[in-house]
Amino acid sequence: MARQQERARRTRAAIIRSAAVEFGKSGYAAASLNRILEGSRATKGAMYFHFDSKEDLARAVLETAVERYRASAERWLTRTDLGPLDTLHGMIDEMALRLEHDIIVQAENRLIIEPDFYRDVQSGGGRILARATRTLTVRAIEHGQLRQDADPDRFTRTLTAALAGQRYLVDTLGGGIELRGRFAEALEVIVESMATPEWAEKFRADGWRASARLEELGLAL
């Protein structure tokens, strides 16, 4: 029984992974179930055992992406060895790495701009990232890294919009532009506009103390 359950888990994971590749490349409407099956090496019967429809499969990809966003945010929020702004940089750096290398997150990024999934933006990975950003912004004010008059909501809105804009520009322009560098640049501009002089002076001397590493992300489904 345990062996059968593990085989079923692996089959489901392989189908989701293949679907993420297909949705990320072709979008939802043009995605082919046949290509998903070919990529997963699963049978049609196995696919319909786990998923009722293409929409059901797309929602499984979205849910898997949300799980990754949530796990990432929780892991960074529980770091005790870093100040709030270094933690924020590390979390954002990881999101940039995932958008560059994680096919599940890439597929979510493509699916939520499709008309069928507009409403999923409200519960997607971006919402999780925004909540974690606000939490870290409040902590940064409490730790004297951001000024006491800094507005956490304004900070969060501005940063999330800037990151979305950078992501769009990188996707549009291509040409080897590194998303991680663009994300860090956007964060630095916004942080420096609200930072205390003490933090700004230390940052100019030391730079960021945290970043993500690709080998630590566990990108296998």
N, C-alpha and C. Protein backbone atom coordinates (compact mmCIF):
# COMPACT_ATOMS: atom_id res chain seq x y z
N MET A 1 0.83 -1.21 0.00
CA MET A 1 0.00 0.00 0.00
C MET A 1 0.86 1.26 0.00
N ALA A 2 1.90 1.27 0.86
CA ALA A 2 2.77 2.44 0.94
C ALA A 2 3.48 2.67 -0.39
N ARG A 3 3.88 1.56 -1.04
CA ARG A 3 4.57 1.69 -2.33
C ARG A 3 3.63 2.25 -3.39
N GLN A 4 2.38 1.82 -3.38
CA GLN A 4 1.41 2.34 -4.34
C GLN A 4 1.13 3.82 -4.11
N GLN A 5 1.04 4.22 -2.84
CA GLN A 5 0.81 5.62 -2.52
C GLN A 5 1.98 6.49 -2.97
N GLU A 6 3.19 5.98 -2.79
CA GLU A 6 4.36 6.74 -3.23
C GLU A 6 4.39 6.84 -4.75
N ARG A 7 4.02 5.76 -5.44
CA ARG A 7 3.98 5.81 -6.90
C ARG A 7 2.93 6.81 -7.37
N ALA A 8 1.79 6.84 -6.71
CA ALA A 8 0.74 7.79 -7.08
C ALA A 8 1.19 9.22 -6.81
N ARG A 9 1.90 9.44 -5.71
CA ARG A 9 2.40 10.78 -5.40
C ARG A 9 3.38 11.25 -6.47
N ARG A 10 4.27 10.35 -6.87
CA ARG A 10 5.26 10.71 -7.88
C ARG A 10 4.60 10.98 -9.23
N THR A 11 3.60 10.18 -9.56
CA THR A 11 2.89 10.39 -10.83
C THR A 11 2.20 11.74 -10.83
N ARG A 12 1.52 12.06 -9.73
CA ARG A 12 0.84 13.35 -9.63
C ARG A 12 1.83 14.50 -9.73
N ALA A 13 2.96 14.37 -9.04
CA ALA A 13 3.97 15.42 -9.08
C ALA A 13 4.53 15.59 -10.49
N ALA A 14 4.75 14.49 -11.19
CA ALA A 14 5.28 14.55 -12.55
C ALA A 14 4.30 15.25 -13.49
N ILE A 15 3.01 14.98 -13.31
CA ILE A 15 1.99 15.62 -14.15
C ILE A 15 1.94 17.12 -13.86
N ILE A 16 1.99 17.51 -12.60
CA ILE A 16 1.98 18.93 -12.25
C ILE A 16 3.21 19.62 -12.82
N ARG A 17 4.34 19.00 -12.70
CA ARG A 17 5.58 19.59 -13.23
C ARG A 17 5.49 19.77 -14.74
N SER A 18 5.04 18.75 -15.43
CA SER A 18 4.89 18.84 -16.89
C SER A 18 3.87 19.91 -17.27
N ALA A 19 2.79 19.99 -16.51
CA ALA A 19 1.77 21.01 -16.77
C ALA A 19 2.35 22.41 -16.57
N ALA A 20 3.19 22.57 -15.54
CA ALA A 20 3.80 23.87 -15.30
C ALA A 20 4.67 24.29 -16.48
N VAL A 21 5.40 23.36 -17.03
CA VAL A 21 6.23 23.66 -18.21
C VAL A 21 5.34 24.10 -19.36
N GLU A 22 4.26 23.37 -19.60
CA GLU A 22 3.37 23.67 -20.71
C GLU A 22 2.63 24.99 -20.50
N PHE A 23 2.10 25.22 -19.32
CA PHE A 23 1.39 26.48 -19.05
C PHE A 23 2.36 27.66 -19.12
N GLY A 24 3.55 27.48 -18.59
CA GLY A 24 4.53 28.55 -18.62
C GLY A 24 4.94 28.93 -20.03
N LYS A 25 4.98 27.95 -20.91
CA LYS A 25 5.41 28.20 -22.29
C LYS A 25 4.27 28.65 -23.19
N SER A 26 3.10 28.02 -23.05
CA SER A 26 2.01 28.24 -24.00
C SER A 26 0.85 29.04 -23.45
N GLY A 27 0.81 29.25 -22.12
CA GLY A 27 -0.38 29.86 -21.53
C GLY A 27 -1.45 28.82 -21.32
N TYR A 28 -2.57 29.24 -20.73
CA TYR A 28 -3.62 28.28 -20.40
C TYR A 28 -4.41 27.84 -21.62
N ALA A 29 -4.89 28.79 -22.39
CA ALA A 29 -5.79 28.45 -23.50
C ALA A 29 -5.11 27.56 -24.53
N ALA A 30 -3.85 27.83 -24.83
CA ALA A 30 -3.14 27.08 -25.87
C ALA A 30 -2.45 25.83 -25.34
N ALA A 31 -2.49 25.62 -24.04
CA ALA A 31 -1.81 24.45 -23.47
C ALA A 31 -2.44 23.15 -23.97
N SER A 32 -1.59 22.18 -24.24
CA SER A 32 -2.05 20.90 -24.79
C SER A 32 -1.94 19.81 -23.73
N LEU A 33 -3.06 19.13 -23.48
CA LEU A 33 -3.03 18.00 -22.54
C LEU A 33 -2.14 16.89 -23.07
N ASN A 34 -2.10 16.71 -24.37
CA ASN A 34 -1.24 15.67 -24.95
C ASN A 34 0.23 15.96 -24.66
N ARG A 35 0.63 17.22 -24.80
CA ARG A 35 2.03 17.57 -24.51
C ARG A 35 2.32 17.41 -23.02
N ILE A 36 1.33 17.71 -22.18
CA ILE A 36 1.52 17.51 -20.74
C ILE A 36 1.72 16.03 -20.44
N LEU A 37 0.92 15.19 -21.07
CA LEU A 37 1.06 13.75 -20.86
C LEU A 37 2.42 13.25 -21.35
N GLU A 38 2.84 13.73 -22.51
CA GLU A 38 4.14 13.32 -23.04
C GLU A 38 5.27 13.72 -22.10
N GLY A 39 5.17 14.93 -21.58
CA GLY A 39 6.22 15.40 -20.68
C GLY A 39 6.26 14.67 -19.36
N SER A 40 5.11 14.23 -18.90
CA SER A 40 5.05 13.54 -17.60
C SER A 40 5.26 12.04 -17.71
N ARG A 41 5.10 11.51 -18.94
CA ARG A 41 5.19 10.06 -19.19
C ARG A 41 4.12 9.30 -18.41
N ALA A 42 3.02 9.97 -18.14
CA ALA A 42 1.89 9.33 -17.46
C ALA A 42 0.84 8.93 -18.50
N THR A 43 -0.02 8.03 -18.12
CA THR A 43 -1.11 7.64 -19.01
C THR A 43 -2.28 8.61 -18.86
N LYS A 44 -3.15 8.62 -19.85
CA LYS A 44 -4.33 9.48 -19.77
C LYS A 44 -5.19 9.08 -18.57
N GLY A 45 -5.27 7.78 -18.33
CA GLY A 45 -6.04 7.30 -17.18
C GLY A 45 -5.48 7.81 -15.87
N ALA A 46 -4.14 7.83 -15.77
CA ALA A 46 -3.51 8.33 -14.54
C ALA A 46 -3.78 9.80 -14.37
N MET A 47 -3.73 10.56 -15.47
CA MET A 47 -3.98 11.99 -15.35
C MET A 47 -5.40 12.26 -14.87
N TYR A 48 -6.39 11.55 -15.44
CA TYR A 48 -7.77 11.81 -15.04
C TYR A 48 -8.11 11.18 -13.68
N PHE A 49 -7.25 10.30 -13.20
CA PHE A 49 -7.41 9.81 -11.84
C PHE A 49 -7.11 10.93 -10.84
N HIS A 50 -6.11 11.74 -11.17
CA HIS A 50 -5.68 12.80 -10.26
C HIS A 50 -6.37 14.14 -10.53
N PHE A 51 -6.75 14.39 -11.79
CA PHE A 51 -7.27 15.71 -12.17
C PHE A 51 -8.49 15.56 -13.06
N ASP A 52 -9.52 16.34 -12.79
CA ASP A 52 -10.77 16.24 -13.54
C ASP A 52 -10.72 16.93 -14.89
N SER A 53 -9.88 17.95 -15.03
CA SER A 53 -9.89 18.77 -16.23
C SER A 53 -8.60 19.56 -16.34
N LYS A 54 -8.43 20.27 -17.45
CA LYS A 54 -7.27 21.14 -17.60
C LYS A 54 -7.30 22.25 -16.55
N GLU A 55 -8.49 22.77 -16.25
CA GLU A 55 -8.58 23.81 -15.22
C GLU A 55 -8.17 23.27 -13.86
N ASP A 56 -8.59 22.06 -13.54
CA ASP A 56 -8.21 21.44 -12.28
C ASP A 56 -6.70 21.30 -12.20
N LEU A 57 -6.09 20.94 -13.31
CA LEU A 57 -4.64 20.80 -13.37
C LEU A 57 -3.95 22.15 -13.19
N ALA A 58 -4.49 23.19 -13.83
CA ALA A 58 -3.92 24.52 -13.68
C ALA A 58 -4.01 24.98 -12.23
N ARG A 59 -5.11 24.68 -11.57
CA ARG A 59 -5.26 25.10 -10.18
C ARG A 59 -4.30 24.34 -9.27
N ALA A 60 -3.98 23.12 -9.63
CA ALA A 60 -2.98 22.37 -8.86
C ALA A 60 -1.61 23.02 -8.99
N VAL A 61 -1.29 23.52 -10.17
CA VAL A 61 -0.03 24.25 -10.37
C VAL A 61 -0.03 25.52 -9.52
N LEU A 62 -1.13 26.26 -9.55
CA LEU A 62 -1.23 27.48 -8.75
C LEU A 62 -1.09 27.19 -7.26
N GLU A 63 -1.74 26.14 -6.79
CA GLU A 63 -1.67 25.78 -5.38
C GLU A 63 -0.25 25.38 -4.98
N THR A 64 0.44 24.67 -5.87
CA THR A 64 1.82 24.28 -5.59
C THR A 64 2.72 25.51 -5.51
N ALA A 65 2.48 26.48 -6.39
CA ALA A 65 3.26 27.72 -6.35
C ALA A 65 3.01 28.47 -5.05
N VAL A 66 1.75 28.55 -4.63
CA VAL A 66 1.42 29.25 -3.39
C VAL A 66 2.11 28.57 -2.20
N GLU A 67 2.15 27.25 -2.20
CA GLU A 67 2.85 26.53 -1.14
C GLU A 67 4.32 26.93 -1.09
N ARG A 68 4.92 27.12 -2.25
CA ARG A 68 6.33 27.51 -2.29
C ARG A 68 6.54 28.94 -1.80
N TYR A 69 5.65 29.84 -2.20
CA TYR A 69 5.73 31.20 -1.69
C TYR A 69 5.56 31.21 -0.18
N ARG A 70 4.59 30.46 0.31
CA ARG A 70 4.31 30.45 1.75
C ARG A 70 5.50 29.88 2.54
N ALA A 71 6.05 28.77 2.05
CA ALA A 71 7.19 28.16 2.74
C ALA A 71 8.39 29.10 2.75
N SER A 72 8.61 29.79 1.63
CA SER A 72 9.72 30.73 1.56
C SER A 72 9.52 31.88 2.54
N ALA A 73 8.33 32.48 2.54
CA ALA A 73 8.07 33.61 3.43
C ALA A 73 8.22 33.19 4.89
N GLU A 74 7.67 32.04 5.25
CA GLU A 74 7.76 31.59 6.64
C GLU A 74 9.20 31.32 7.05
N ARG A 75 9.99 30.76 6.13
CA ARG A 75 11.39 30.47 6.45
C ARG A 75 12.17 31.76 6.70
N TRP A 76 11.95 32.77 5.87
CA TRP A 76 12.67 34.03 6.07
C TRP A 76 12.17 34.77 7.30
N LEU A 77 10.87 34.73 7.54
CA LEU A 77 10.31 35.47 8.68
C LEU A 77 10.78 34.91 10.02
N THR A 78 11.20 33.66 10.05
CA THR A 78 11.65 33.05 11.30
C THR A 78 13.16 33.17 11.50
N ARG A 79 13.85 33.81 10.57
CA ARG A 79 15.30 34.00 10.74
C ARG A 79 15.54 34.94 11.93
N THR A 80 16.42 34.54 12.82
CA THR A 80 16.74 35.36 13.99
C THR A 80 18.16 35.93 13.92
N ASP A 81 18.89 35.55 12.89
CA ASP A 81 20.29 35.98 12.78
C ASP A 81 20.45 37.22 11.91
N LEU A 82 19.33 37.76 11.40
CA LEU A 82 19.39 38.89 10.48
C LEU A 82 18.45 39.99 10.95
N GLY A 83 18.77 41.23 10.60
CA GLY A 83 17.86 42.32 10.83
C GLY A 83 16.72 42.26 9.81
N PRO A 84 15.64 43.00 10.06
CA PRO A 84 14.46 42.92 9.19
C PRO A 84 14.74 43.26 7.72
N LEU A 85 15.55 44.28 7.46
CA LEU A 85 15.78 44.67 6.07
C LEU A 85 16.67 43.67 5.34
N ASP A 86 17.65 43.10 6.02
CA ASP A 86 18.44 42.04 5.40
C ASP A 86 17.57 40.81 5.13
N THR A 87 16.65 40.53 6.05
CA THR A 87 15.71 39.42 5.83
C THR A 87 14.85 39.70 4.61
N LEU A 88 14.37 40.92 4.49
CA LEU A 88 13.55 41.29 3.34
C LEU A 88 14.33 41.13 2.04
N HIS A 89 15.57 41.56 2.04
CA HIS A 89 16.39 41.40 0.83
C HIS A 89 16.56 39.93 0.48
N GLY A 90 16.83 39.09 1.49
CA GLY A 90 16.99 37.67 1.23
C GLY A 90 15.74 37.04 0.64
N MET A 91 14.59 37.40 1.19
CA MET A 91 13.32 36.85 0.69
C MET A 91 13.06 37.29 -0.75
N ILE A 92 13.28 38.55 -1.04
CA ILE A 92 13.06 39.06 -2.39
C ILE A 92 14.06 38.46 -3.36
N ASP A 93 15.28 38.28 -2.91
CA ASP A 93 16.30 37.66 -3.76
C ASP A 93 15.89 36.22 -4.11
N GLU A 94 15.32 35.52 -3.13
CA GLU A 94 14.85 34.16 -3.41
C GLU A 94 13.71 34.17 -4.43
N MET A 95 12.80 35.13 -4.31
CA MET A 95 11.70 35.21 -5.27
C MET A 95 12.22 35.46 -6.69
N ALA A 96 13.26 36.29 -6.80
CA ALA A 96 13.86 36.53 -8.12
C ALA A 96 14.48 35.25 -8.66
N LEU A 97 15.17 34.51 -7.81
CA LEU A 97 15.76 33.24 -8.24
C LEU A 97 14.69 32.26 -8.69
N ARG A 98 13.59 32.21 -7.95
CA ARG A 98 12.52 31.30 -8.32
C ARG A 98 11.88 31.70 -9.65
N LEU A 99 11.70 32.99 -9.86
CA LEU A 99 11.13 33.44 -11.13
C LEU A 99 12.06 33.14 -12.30
N GLU A 100 13.34 33.03 -12.02
CA GLU A 100 14.31 32.71 -13.07
C GLU A 100 14.45 31.21 -13.30
N HIS A 101 14.24 30.39 -12.25
CA HIS A 101 14.59 28.98 -12.35
C HIS A 101 13.50 27.99 -11.95
N ASP A 102 12.49 28.42 -11.23
CA ASP A 102 11.47 27.52 -10.70
C ASP A 102 10.28 27.47 -11.66
N ILE A 103 10.10 26.36 -12.34
CA ILE A 103 9.05 26.29 -13.38
C ILE A 103 7.66 26.40 -12.78
N ILE A 104 7.49 26.01 -11.53
CA ILE A 104 6.17 26.13 -10.88
C ILE A 104 5.82 27.60 -10.68
N VAL A 105 6.76 28.37 -10.14
CA VAL A 105 6.53 29.80 -9.92
C VAL A 105 6.41 30.53 -11.26
N GLN A 106 7.20 30.14 -12.24
CA GLN A 106 7.09 30.74 -13.57
C GLN A 106 5.70 30.50 -14.16
N ALA A 107 5.17 29.29 -13.99
CA ALA A 107 3.84 28.98 -14.51
C ALA A 107 2.77 29.79 -13.79
N GLU A 108 2.90 29.94 -12.47
CA GLU A 108 1.93 30.76 -11.74
C GLU A 108 1.94 32.18 -12.26
N ASN A 109 3.13 32.70 -12.51
CA ASN A 109 3.28 34.06 -13.02
C ASN A 109 2.59 34.23 -14.37
N ARG A 110 2.59 33.17 -15.17
CA ARG A 110 1.92 33.23 -16.48
C ARG A 110 0.41 33.03 -16.34
N LEU A 111 0.00 32.11 -15.48
CA LEU A 111 -1.42 31.79 -15.37
C LEU A 111 -2.24 32.94 -14.80
N ILE A 112 -1.71 33.69 -13.84
CA ILE A 112 -2.53 34.71 -13.18
C ILE A 112 -2.81 35.92 -14.07
N ILE A 113 -2.17 36.01 -15.23
CA ILE A 113 -2.51 37.09 -16.15
C ILE A 113 -3.52 36.63 -17.20
N GLU A 114 -3.93 35.36 -17.11
CA GLU A 114 -4.93 34.83 -18.02
C GLU A 114 -6.33 35.17 -17.49
N PRO A 115 -7.28 35.50 -18.38
CA PRO A 115 -8.63 35.86 -17.92
C PRO A 115 -9.27 34.82 -17.01
N ASP A 116 -9.00 33.54 -17.24
CA ASP A 116 -9.61 32.49 -16.43
C ASP A 116 -9.15 32.52 -14.98
N PHE A 117 -8.04 33.20 -14.72
CA PHE A 117 -7.43 33.12 -13.39
C PHE A 117 -7.16 34.49 -12.77
N TYR A 118 -7.78 35.54 -13.28
CA TYR A 118 -7.58 36.87 -12.71
C TYR A 118 -7.86 36.89 -11.21
N ARG A 119 -8.94 36.20 -10.80
CA ARG A 119 -9.33 36.25 -9.39
C ARG A 119 -8.30 35.59 -8.48
N ASP A 120 -7.45 34.74 -9.05
CA ASP A 120 -6.46 34.05 -8.23
C ASP A 120 -5.32 34.95 -7.78
N VAL A 121 -5.23 36.14 -8.38
CA VAL A 121 -4.21 37.09 -7.95
C VAL A 121 -4.40 37.43 -6.47
N GLN A 122 -5.67 37.50 -6.03
CA GLN A 122 -5.97 37.91 -4.66
C GLN A 122 -5.50 36.90 -3.61
N SER A 123 -5.30 35.67 -4.03
CA SER A 123 -4.87 34.64 -3.07
C SER A 123 -3.55 34.00 -3.49
N GLY A 124 -2.87 34.59 -4.47
CA GLY A 124 -1.67 33.99 -5.01
C GLY A 124 -0.40 34.33 -4.26
N GLY A 125 0.72 33.96 -4.88
CA GLY A 125 2.01 34.15 -4.23
C GLY A 125 2.34 35.60 -3.96
N GLY A 126 1.90 36.50 -4.85
CA GLY A 126 2.19 37.91 -4.65
C GLY A 126 1.57 38.45 -3.38
N ARG A 127 0.39 37.97 -3.03
CA ARG A 127 -0.28 38.40 -1.80
C ARG A 127 0.51 37.93 -0.58
N ILE A 128 1.02 36.71 -0.63
CA ILE A 128 1.84 36.19 0.48
C ILE A 128 3.10 37.02 0.63
N LEU A 129 3.75 37.33 -0.48
CA LEU A 129 4.97 38.13 -0.45
C LEU A 129 4.69 39.52 0.12
N ALA A 130 3.55 40.10 -0.25
CA ALA A 130 3.19 41.44 0.24
C ALA A 130 2.97 41.42 1.75
N ARG A 131 2.28 40.40 2.26
CA ARG A 131 2.04 40.32 3.71
C ARG A 131 3.35 40.19 4.47
N ALA A 132 4.25 39.36 3.96
CA ALA A 132 5.55 39.18 4.61
C ALA A 132 6.36 40.46 4.55
N THR A 133 6.27 41.17 3.43
CA THR A 133 6.98 42.45 3.30
C THR A 133 6.49 43.45 4.33
N ARG A 134 5.18 43.53 4.51
CA ARG A 134 4.65 44.47 5.50
C ARG A 134 5.11 44.10 6.91
N THR A 135 5.10 42.82 7.23
CA THR A 135 5.56 42.38 8.55
C THR A 135 7.00 42.81 8.79
N LEU A 136 7.85 42.63 7.79
CA LEU A 136 9.26 42.99 7.93
C LEU A 136 9.44 44.50 7.97
N THR A 137 8.57 45.23 7.28
CA THR A 137 8.64 46.69 7.32
C THR A 137 8.34 47.19 8.73
N VAL A 138 7.31 46.64 9.37
CA VAL A 138 6.98 47.02 10.75
C VAL A 138 8.15 46.70 11.67
N ARG A 139 8.75 45.54 11.48
CA ARG A 139 9.91 45.18 12.31
C ARG A 139 11.07 46.15 12.09
N ALA A 140 11.26 46.56 10.83
CA ALA A 140 12.36 47.47 10.52
C ALA A 140 12.17 48.82 11.21
N ILE A 141 10.93 49.27 11.31
CA ILE A 141 10.64 50.52 12.03
C ILE A 141 10.94 50.33 13.52
N GLU A 142 10.49 49.21 14.07
CA GLU A 142 10.70 48.94 15.49
C GLU A 142 12.19 48.81 15.83
N HIS A 143 13.00 48.31 14.86
CA HIS A 143 14.43 48.12 15.10
C HIS A 143 15.25 49.36 14.73
N GLY A 144 14.60 50.43 14.36
CA GLY A 144 15.32 51.65 14.04
C GLY A 144 16.04 51.63 12.71
N GLN A 145 15.62 50.73 11.82
CA GLN A 145 16.22 50.70 10.49
C GLN A 145 15.48 51.62 9.52
N LEU A 146 14.17 51.71 9.67
CA LEU A 146 13.36 52.67 8.93
C LEU A 146 12.88 53.74 9.90
N ARG A 147 12.65 54.93 9.38
CA ARG A 147 12.22 56.05 10.22
C ARG A 147 10.87 55.75 10.89
N GLN A 148 10.65 56.38 12.04
CA GLN A 148 9.41 56.17 12.78
C GLN A 148 8.19 56.64 11.98
N ASP A 149 8.37 57.61 11.09
CA ASP A 149 7.24 58.10 10.31
C ASP A 149 7.03 57.33 9.02
N ALA A 150 7.80 56.27 8.80
CA ALA A 150 7.62 55.45 7.60
C ALA A 150 6.27 54.73 7.67
N ASP A 151 5.57 54.70 6.56
CA ASP A 151 4.25 54.07 6.49
C ASP A 151 4.40 52.65 5.93
N PRO A 152 4.15 51.60 6.73
CA PRO A 152 4.33 50.22 6.24
C PRO A 152 3.50 49.89 5.01
N ASP A 153 2.28 50.42 4.97
CA ASP A 153 1.41 50.12 3.82
C ASP A 153 1.93 50.80 2.55
N ARG A 154 2.35 52.03 2.69
CA ARG A 154 2.91 52.74 1.54
C ARG A 154 4.19 52.07 1.05
N PHE A 155 5.05 51.68 1.99
CA PHE A 155 6.28 50.97 1.65
C PHE A 155 5.97 49.70 0.88
N THR A 156 5.02 48.91 1.41
CA THR A 156 4.68 47.63 0.80
C THR A 156 4.08 47.80 -0.59
N ARG A 157 3.14 48.74 -0.73
CA ARG A 157 2.52 48.98 -2.03
C ARG A 157 3.56 49.40 -3.07
N THR A 158 4.43 50.30 -2.68
CA THR A 158 5.42 50.83 -3.62
C THR A 158 6.42 49.75 -4.02
N LEU A 159 6.86 48.96 -3.05
CA LEU A 159 7.85 47.93 -3.36
C LEU A 159 7.25 46.83 -4.23
N THR A 160 6.06 46.35 -3.88
CA THR A 160 5.47 45.27 -4.67
C THR A 160 5.18 45.73 -6.10
N ALA A 161 4.76 46.98 -6.26
CA ALA A 161 4.54 47.50 -7.61
C ALA A 161 5.85 47.61 -8.37
N ALA A 162 6.90 48.05 -7.70
CA ALA A 162 8.21 48.17 -8.35
C ALA A 162 8.74 46.81 -8.78
N LEU A 163 8.56 45.80 -7.93
CA LEU A 163 9.03 44.46 -8.28
C LEU A 163 8.24 43.90 -9.46
N ALA A 164 6.92 44.12 -9.46
CA ALA A 164 6.10 43.66 -10.58
C ALA A 164 6.53 44.35 -11.87
N GLY A 165 6.83 45.65 -11.79
CA GLY A 165 7.27 46.37 -12.97
C GLY A 165 8.61 45.87 -13.48
N GLN A 166 9.53 45.62 -12.59
CA GLN A 166 10.83 45.09 -13.01
C GLN A 166 10.69 43.72 -13.64
N ARG A 167 9.84 42.90 -13.06
CA ARG A 167 9.61 41.56 -13.63
C ARG A 167 9.04 41.67 -15.03
N TYR A 168 8.09 42.58 -15.24
CA TYR A 168 7.50 42.78 -16.56
C TYR A 168 8.55 43.25 -17.55
N LEU A 169 9.39 44.20 -17.14
CA LEU A 169 10.41 44.73 -18.04
C LEU A 169 11.42 43.66 -18.44
N VAL A 170 11.83 42.86 -17.47
CA VAL A 170 12.79 41.79 -17.77
C VAL A 170 12.18 40.77 -18.73
N ASP A 171 10.91 40.42 -18.49
CA ASP A 171 10.23 39.48 -19.38
C ASP A 171 10.08 40.06 -20.78
N THR A 172 9.83 41.36 -20.86
CA THR A 172 9.60 42.00 -22.16
C THR A 172 10.90 42.24 -22.92
N LEU A 173 11.91 42.75 -22.22
CA LEU A 173 13.15 43.14 -22.89
C LEU A 173 14.11 41.98 -23.08
N GLY A 174 14.12 41.06 -22.10
CA GLY A 174 15.02 39.92 -22.20
C GLY A 174 16.47 40.39 -22.31
N GLY A 175 17.19 39.75 -23.18
CA GLY A 175 18.56 40.18 -23.45
C GLY A 175 19.53 39.97 -22.31
N GLY A 176 19.28 38.95 -21.49
CA GLY A 176 20.22 38.63 -20.42
C GLY A 176 20.15 39.55 -19.21
N ILE A 177 19.09 40.35 -19.08
CA ILE A 177 18.96 41.21 -17.90
C ILE A 177 18.70 40.34 -16.67
N GLU A 178 19.45 40.57 -15.61
CA GLU A 178 19.32 39.74 -14.40
C GLU A 178 18.23 40.29 -13.50
N LEU A 179 17.24 39.47 -13.23
CA LEU A 179 16.12 39.89 -12.40
C LEU A 179 16.56 40.16 -10.97
N ARG A 180 17.50 39.40 -10.46
CA ARG A 180 17.94 39.59 -9.07
C ARG A 180 18.52 40.99 -8.88
N GLY A 181 19.31 41.44 -9.83
CA GLY A 181 19.88 42.77 -9.74
C GLY A 181 18.82 43.85 -9.79
N ARG A 182 17.83 43.67 -10.65
CA ARG A 182 16.75 44.65 -10.76
C ARG A 182 15.90 44.69 -9.48
N PHE A 183 15.64 43.51 -8.90
CA PHE A 183 14.88 43.47 -7.65
C PHE A 183 15.65 44.17 -6.53
N ALA A 184 16.94 43.90 -6.43
CA ALA A 184 17.76 44.53 -5.39
C ALA A 184 17.79 46.04 -5.58
N GLU A 185 17.91 46.47 -6.82
CA GLU A 185 17.94 47.91 -7.10
C GLU A 185 16.63 48.59 -6.67
N ALA A 186 15.51 47.98 -7.00
CA ALA A 186 14.21 48.54 -6.61
C ALA A 186 14.09 48.62 -5.09
N LEU A 187 14.50 47.56 -4.39
CA LEU A 187 14.44 47.54 -2.94
C LEU A 187 15.31 48.64 -2.34
N GLU A 188 16.53 48.78 -2.85
CA GLU A 188 17.45 49.76 -2.30
C GLU A 188 16.93 51.18 -2.45
N VAL A 189 16.38 51.51 -3.61
CA VAL A 189 15.87 52.86 -3.84
C VAL A 189 14.76 53.19 -2.85
N ILE A 190 13.84 52.25 -2.64
CA ILE A 190 12.71 52.49 -1.75
C ILE A 190 13.15 52.51 -0.29
N VAL A 191 14.02 51.57 0.10
CA VAL A 191 14.50 51.54 1.48
C VAL A 191 15.26 52.82 1.81
N GLU A 192 16.13 53.27 0.92
CA GLU A 192 16.94 54.44 1.21
C GLU A 192 16.10 55.71 1.37
N SER A 193 14.92 55.71 0.77
CA SER A 193 14.05 56.89 0.91
C SER A 193 13.40 56.96 2.29
N MET A 194 13.37 55.85 3.03
CA MET A 194 12.72 55.81 4.33
C MET A 194 13.66 55.38 5.45
N ALA A 195 14.91 55.09 5.13
CA ALA A 195 15.84 54.54 6.13
C ALA A 195 16.32 55.61 7.09
N THR A 196 16.70 55.16 8.29
CA THR A 196 17.33 56.07 9.24
C THR A 196 18.77 56.32 8.78
N PRO A 197 19.34 57.47 9.13
CA PRO A 197 20.73 57.75 8.73
C PRO A 197 21.70 56.69 9.23
N GLU A 198 21.45 56.16 10.43
CA GLU A 198 22.35 55.15 11.00
C GLU A 198 22.37 53.88 10.14
N TRP A 199 21.16 53.43 9.74
CA TRP A 199 21.12 52.23 8.92
C TRP A 199 21.74 52.50 7.55
N ALA A 200 21.44 53.65 6.96
CA ALA A 200 21.96 53.97 5.62
C ALA A 200 23.48 53.99 5.62
N GLU A 201 24.07 54.55 6.68
CA GLU A 201 25.53 54.60 6.76
C GLU A 201 26.12 53.20 6.87
N LYS A 202 25.50 52.36 7.67
CA LYS A 202 25.99 50.98 7.83
C LYS A 202 25.81 50.20 6.52
N PHE A 203 24.70 50.44 5.83
CA PHE A 203 24.47 49.73 4.58
C PHE A 203 25.49 50.12 3.52
N ARG A 204 25.84 51.40 3.45
CA ARG A 204 26.83 51.83 2.47
C ARG A 204 28.18 51.18 2.72
N ALA A 205 28.45 50.87 3.98
CA ALA A 205 29.73 50.23 4.32
C ALA A 205 29.70 48.72 4.13
N ASP A 206 28.56 48.09 4.48
CA ASP A 206 28.51 46.63 4.53
C ASP A 206 27.70 45.98 3.41
N GLY A 207 26.75 46.68 2.84
CA GLY A 207 25.87 46.07 1.85
C GLY A 207 24.90 45.10 2.51
N TRP A 208 24.26 44.27 1.69
CA TRP A 208 23.30 43.30 2.21
C TRP A 208 24.01 42.12 2.85
N ARG A 209 23.44 41.61 3.90
CA ARG A 209 24.04 40.49 4.63
C ARG A 209 23.39 39.15 4.28
N ALA A 210 22.35 39.15 3.47
CA ALA A 210 21.65 37.89 3.15
C ALA A 210 21.29 37.86 1.68
N SER A 211 21.43 36.68 1.10
CA SER A 211 20.97 36.45 -0.27
C SER A 211 20.58 34.98 -0.39
N ALA A 212 19.87 34.66 -1.45
CA ALA A 212 19.43 33.28 -1.66
C ALA A 212 20.44 32.51 -2.50
N ARG A 213 20.43 31.20 -2.34
CA ARG A 213 21.31 30.34 -3.13
C ARG A 213 20.47 29.31 -3.85
N LEU A 214 20.72 29.16 -5.13
CA LEU A 214 19.90 28.28 -5.95
C LEU A 214 19.87 26.86 -5.42
N GLU A 215 21.01 26.37 -4.96
CA GLU A 215 21.08 24.98 -4.51
C GLU A 215 20.30 24.74 -3.21
N GLU A 216 19.90 25.80 -2.53
CA GLU A 216 19.15 25.65 -1.28
C GLU A 216 17.64 25.70 -1.48
N LEU A 217 17.19 25.93 -2.70
CA LEU A 217 15.76 26.14 -2.92
C LEU A 217 14.97 24.85 -3.04
N GLY A 218 15.64 23.74 -3.31
CA GLY A 218 14.90 22.47 -3.43
C GLY A 218 13.86 22.54 -4.53
N LEU A 219 14.29 22.79 -5.78
CA LEU A 219 13.34 23.05 -6.84
C LEU A 219 12.66 21.80 -7.39
N ALA A 220 13.10 20.62 -7.01
CA ALA A 220 12.38 19.43 -7.46
C ALA A 220 11.00 19.42 -6.83
N LEU A 221 10.00 19.03 -7.65
CA LEU A 221 8.61 19.00 -7.16
C LEU A 221 8.43 17.90 -6.14
